[in-house]
Amino acid sequence: MRFTWDAGKANFNLQKHGVSFQEATTAFRDPLSVTGYDPDHSTDENRFVTFGVSNQGRLLVVSHTEEDNVIRLISCRLATKSREENL
């Protein structure tokens, strides 16, 4: 699995949500991770949301696209309690 992202967006995400894109990549290795299509944000491209536990033990919500087996990260944040309860 290969990952890519915009460096500026990664820095902004770290400042805003306290989660690095490097950590976000580890959520995809969670054997219990769940990925779903995100129709609300798929107007220009197909976007997906993955819920997975990172190597830091934090449940993350990762927004991304995928093309030619490359995952482009868009944003990531900690899952809220209500999202955790709905999983």
Foldseek 3Di string as FASTA:
>chain_A
DAEAEDPVQQVVQCVPAVDGVVQVVQQVVAPPKDKDWDVVPDPPHTKMWIWGQTPVRFTKIWIWHDDPNYTYTRHMHGDDPVVVVVD
